[in-house]
Amino acid sequence: MEVEREAAGGVDRPCRPWRRCRATRRTLLAAARELQLTAGLWRRLNGWWVAFYAVLGALNLAVAHYASERAWVAFKVFGLTALTLAFVVGQVLWLHARQNPARAESSG
């Protein structure tokens, strides 16, 4: 289990999943720096996220308006979660395919 040092008391304690750990943030930021994507690719990625959440919002409104409350709740809990997970997997694969090949060979 990951350990985070508490700033005030200097005490090591387990990093809870619902808390943001500095080590995890550092790891994610380091991974983002290593991607070496152009500004155009980052803008495209950002635009896809904007469009994705706009479509999810529209789907949510449509299901909330035309379906029963039970179906809407199931869609929000399972449908939106599955769609988001699928989109994230697609983004990871897209990013992996477009990372700088020279950088990928030197790190792996």
C-alpha atoms as a PDB file:
ATOM      1  CA  MET A   1       0.000   0.000   0.000  1.00  0.00           C
ATOM      2  CA  GLU A   2       1.256   3.452  -0.855  1.00  0.00           C
ATOM      3  CA  VAL A   3       2.369   5.598   2.100  1.00  0.00           C
ATOM      4  CA  GLU A   4       2.090   9.367   2.358  1.00  0.00           C
ATOM      5  CA  ARG A   5       3.952  11.465   4.913  1.00  0.00           C
ATOM      6  CA  GLU A   6       1.636  13.821   6.760  1.00  0.00           C
ATOM      7  CA  ALA A   7       2.939  17.379   6.437  1.00  0.00           C
ATOM      8  CA  ALA A   8       2.104  18.570   9.948  1.00  0.00           C
ATOM      9  CA  GLY A   9       3.335  15.700  12.093  1.00  0.00           C
ATOM     10  CA  GLY A  10       5.736  13.894   9.774  1.00  0.00           C
ATOM     11  CA  VAL A  11       3.863  10.650  10.400  1.00  0.00           C
ATOM     12  CA  ASP A  12       3.700   7.945   7.725  1.00  0.00           C
ATOM     13  CA  ARG A  13       0.187   6.738   7.069  1.00  0.00           C
ATOM     14  CA  PRO A  14      -1.418   4.634   4.347  1.00  0.00           C
ATOM     15  CA  CYS A  15      -2.672   6.515   1.324  1.00  0.00           C
ATOM     16  CA  ARG A  16      -6.417   6.001   1.215  1.00  0.00           C
ATOM     17  CA  PRO A  17      -8.013   5.473  -2.213  1.00  0.00           C
ATOM     18  CA  TRP A  18     -10.357   8.428  -1.687  1.00  0.00           C
ATOM     19  CA  ARG A  19      -7.497  10.788  -0.811  1.00  0.00           C
ATOM     20  CA  ARG A  20      -5.101  12.343  -3.265  1.00  0.00           C
ATOM     21  CA  CYS A  21      -1.574  11.212  -2.603  1.00  0.00           C
ATOM     22  CA  ARG A  22       1.343  13.336  -3.651  1.00  0.00           C
ATOM     23  CA  ALA A  23       3.282  10.311  -4.903  1.00  0.00           C
ATOM     24  CA  THR A  24       0.438   9.316  -7.202  1.00  0.00           C
ATOM     25  CA  ARG A  25       0.153  12.865  -8.536  1.00  0.00           C
ATOM     26  CA  ARG A  26       3.900  12.961  -9.181  1.00  0.00           C
ATOM     27  CA  THR A  27       3.697   9.653 -11.064  1.00  0.00           C
ATOM     28  CA  LEU A  28       0.812  10.829 -13.230  1.00  0.00           C
ATOM     29  CA  LEU A  29       2.471  14.169 -13.971  1.00  0.00           C
ATOM     30  CA  ALA A  30       5.734  12.430 -14.884  1.00  0.00           C
ATOM     31  CA  ALA A  31       3.874  10.108 -17.248  1.00  0.00           C
ATOM     32  CA  ALA A  32       2.141  13.081 -18.895  1.00  0.00           C
ATOM     33  CA  ARG A  33       5.477  14.853 -19.398  1.00  0.00           C
ATOM     34  CA  GLU A  34       6.934  11.792 -21.114  1.00  0.00           C
ATOM     35  CA  LEU A  35       4.192  11.652 -23.752  1.00  0.00           C
ATOM     36  CA  GLN A  36       5.868  14.319 -25.906  1.00  0.00           C
ATOM     37  CA  LEU A  37       2.763  15.192 -27.944  1.00  0.00           C
ATOM     38  CA  THR A  38       2.505  18.277 -30.096  1.00  0.00           C
ATOM     39  CA  ALA A  39       0.243  21.142 -29.099  1.00  0.00           C
ATOM     40  CA  GLY A  40      -2.117  20.197 -31.934  1.00  0.00           C
ATOM     41  CA  LEU A  41      -2.524  16.651 -30.614  1.00  0.00           C
ATOM     42  CA  TRP A  42      -3.171  17.936 -27.084  1.00  0.00           C
ATOM     43  CA  ARG A  43      -5.831  20.317 -28.461  1.00  0.00           C
ATOM     44  CA  ARG A  44      -7.438  17.450 -30.394  1.00  0.00           C
ATOM     45  CA  LEU A  45      -7.436  15.292 -27.263  1.00  0.00           C
ATOM     46  CA  ASN A  46      -8.969  18.128 -25.252  1.00  0.00           C
ATOM     47  CA  GLY A  47     -11.618  18.674 -27.923  1.00  0.00           C
ATOM     48  CA  TRP A  48     -12.527  14.988 -27.864  1.00  0.00           C
ATOM     49  CA  TRP A  49     -13.045  15.173 -24.105  1.00  0.00           C
ATOM     50  CA  VAL A  50     -15.239  18.251 -24.469  1.00  0.00           C
ATOM     51  CA  ALA A  51     -17.316  16.567 -27.181  1.00  0.00           C
ATOM     52  CA  PHE A  52     -17.497  13.322 -25.201  1.00  0.00           C
ATOM     53  CA  TYR A  53     -18.888  15.047 -22.106  1.00  0.00           C
ATOM     54  CA  ALA A  54     -21.311  17.090 -24.207  1.00  0.00           C
ATOM     55  CA  VAL A  55     -22.640  13.846 -25.738  1.00  0.00           C
ATOM     56  CA  LEU A  56     -22.846  12.227 -22.294  1.00  0.00           C
ATOM     57  CA  GLY A  57     -24.791  15.225 -21.013  1.00  0.00           C
ATOM     58  CA  ALA A  58     -27.206  15.047 -23.935  1.00  0.00           C
ATOM     59  CA  LEU A  59     -27.643  11.284 -23.446  1.00  0.00           C
ATOM     60  CA  ASN A  60     -28.256  11.800 -19.743  1.00  0.00           C
ATOM     61  CA  LEU A  61     -30.939  14.413 -20.444  1.00  0.00           C
ATOM     62  CA  ALA A  62     -32.593  12.214 -23.066  1.00  0.00           C
ATOM     63  CA  VAL A  63     -32.694   9.171 -20.785  1.00  0.00           C
ATOM     64  CA  ALA A  64     -33.894  11.284 -17.840  1.00  0.00           C
ATOM     65  CA  HIS A  65     -36.683  12.763 -19.942  1.00  0.00           C
ATOM     66  CA  TYR A  66     -37.904   9.708 -21.852  1.00  0.00           C
ATOM     67  CA  ALA A  67     -37.164   6.766 -19.529  1.00  0.00           C
ATOM     68  CA  SER A  68     -38.360   5.784 -16.080  1.00  0.00           C
ATOM     69  CA  GLU A  69     -36.474   6.940 -13.030  1.00  0.00           C
ATOM     70  CA  ARG A  70     -35.201   3.401 -12.430  1.00  0.00           C
ATOM     71  CA  ALA A  71     -33.831   3.171 -15.990  1.00  0.00           C
ATOM     72  CA  TRP A  72     -32.268   6.620 -15.673  1.00  0.00           C
ATOM     73  CA  VAL A  73     -30.493   5.700 -12.439  1.00  0.00           C
ATOM     74  CA  ALA A  74     -29.225   2.450 -13.958  1.00  0.00           C
ATOM     75  CA  PHE A  75     -27.999   4.382 -16.994  1.00  0.00           C
ATOM     76  CA  LYS A  76     -26.197   6.925 -14.809  1.00  0.00           C
ATOM     77  CA  VAL A  77     -24.573   4.268 -12.633  1.00  0.00           C
ATOM     78  CA  PHE A  78     -23.694   1.643 -15.210  1.00  0.00           C
ATOM     79  CA  GLY A  79     -24.091   3.174 -18.661  1.00  0.00           C
ATOM     80  CA  LEU A  80     -22.177   6.397 -18.104  1.00  0.00           C
ATOM     81  CA  THR A  81     -19.477   4.551 -16.181  1.00  0.00           C
ATOM     82  CA  ALA A  82     -19.030   1.980 -18.954  1.00  0.00           C
ATOM     83  CA  LEU A  83     -18.994   4.666 -21.661  1.00  0.00           C
ATOM     84  CA  THR A  84     -16.408   6.702 -19.748  1.00  0.00           C
ATOM     85  CA  LEU A  85     -14.220   3.647 -19.174  1.00  0.00           C
ATOM     86  CA  ALA A  86     -14.405   2.727 -22.859  1.00  0.00           C
ATOM     87  CA  PHE A  87     -13.524   6.305 -23.834  1.00  0.00           C
ATOM     88  CA  VAL A  88     -10.541   6.366 -21.463  1.00  0.00           C
ATOM     89  CA  VAL A  89      -9.256   3.051 -22.848  1.00  0.00           C
ATOM     90  CA  GLY A  90      -9.595   4.458 -26.347  1.00  0.00           C
ATOM     91  CA  GLN A  91      -7.698   7.586 -25.341  1.00  0.00           C
ATOM     92  CA  VAL A  92      -4.888   5.553 -23.779  1.00  0.00           C
ATOM     93  CA  LEU A  93      -4.542   3.506 -26.954  1.00  0.00           C
ATOM     94  CA  TRP A  94      -4.652   6.674 -29.086  1.00  0.00           C
ATOM     95  CA  LEU A  95      -1.995   8.343 -26.929  1.00  0.00           C
ATOM     96  CA  HIS A  96       0.188   5.243 -26.962  1.00  0.00           C
ATOM     97  CA  ALA A  97       0.060   5.087 -30.763  1.00  0.00           C
ATOM     98  CA  ARG A  98       1.041   8.753 -31.113  1.00  0.00           C
ATOM     99  CA  GLN A  99       3.805   9.085 -28.549  1.00  0.00           C
ATOM    100  CA  ASN A 100       7.236  10.035 -29.811  1.00  0.00           C
ATOM    101  CA  PRO A 101       8.821   6.758 -31.066  1.00  0.00           C
ATOM    102  CA  ALA A 102      12.375   7.834 -30.205  1.00  0.00           C
ATOM    103  CA  ARG A 103      11.309   8.601 -26.644  1.00  0.00           C
ATOM    104  CA  ALA A 104       9.461   5.274 -26.331  1.00  0.00           C
ATOM    105  CA  GLU A 105      12.497   3.265 -27.481  1.00  0.00           C
ATOM    106  CA  SER A 106      14.864   4.994 -25.050  1.00  0.00           C
ATOM    107  CA  SER A 107      12.584   4.419 -22.039  1.00  0.00           C
ATOM    108  CA  GLY A 108      11.641   0.807 -22.776  1.00  0.00           C
END
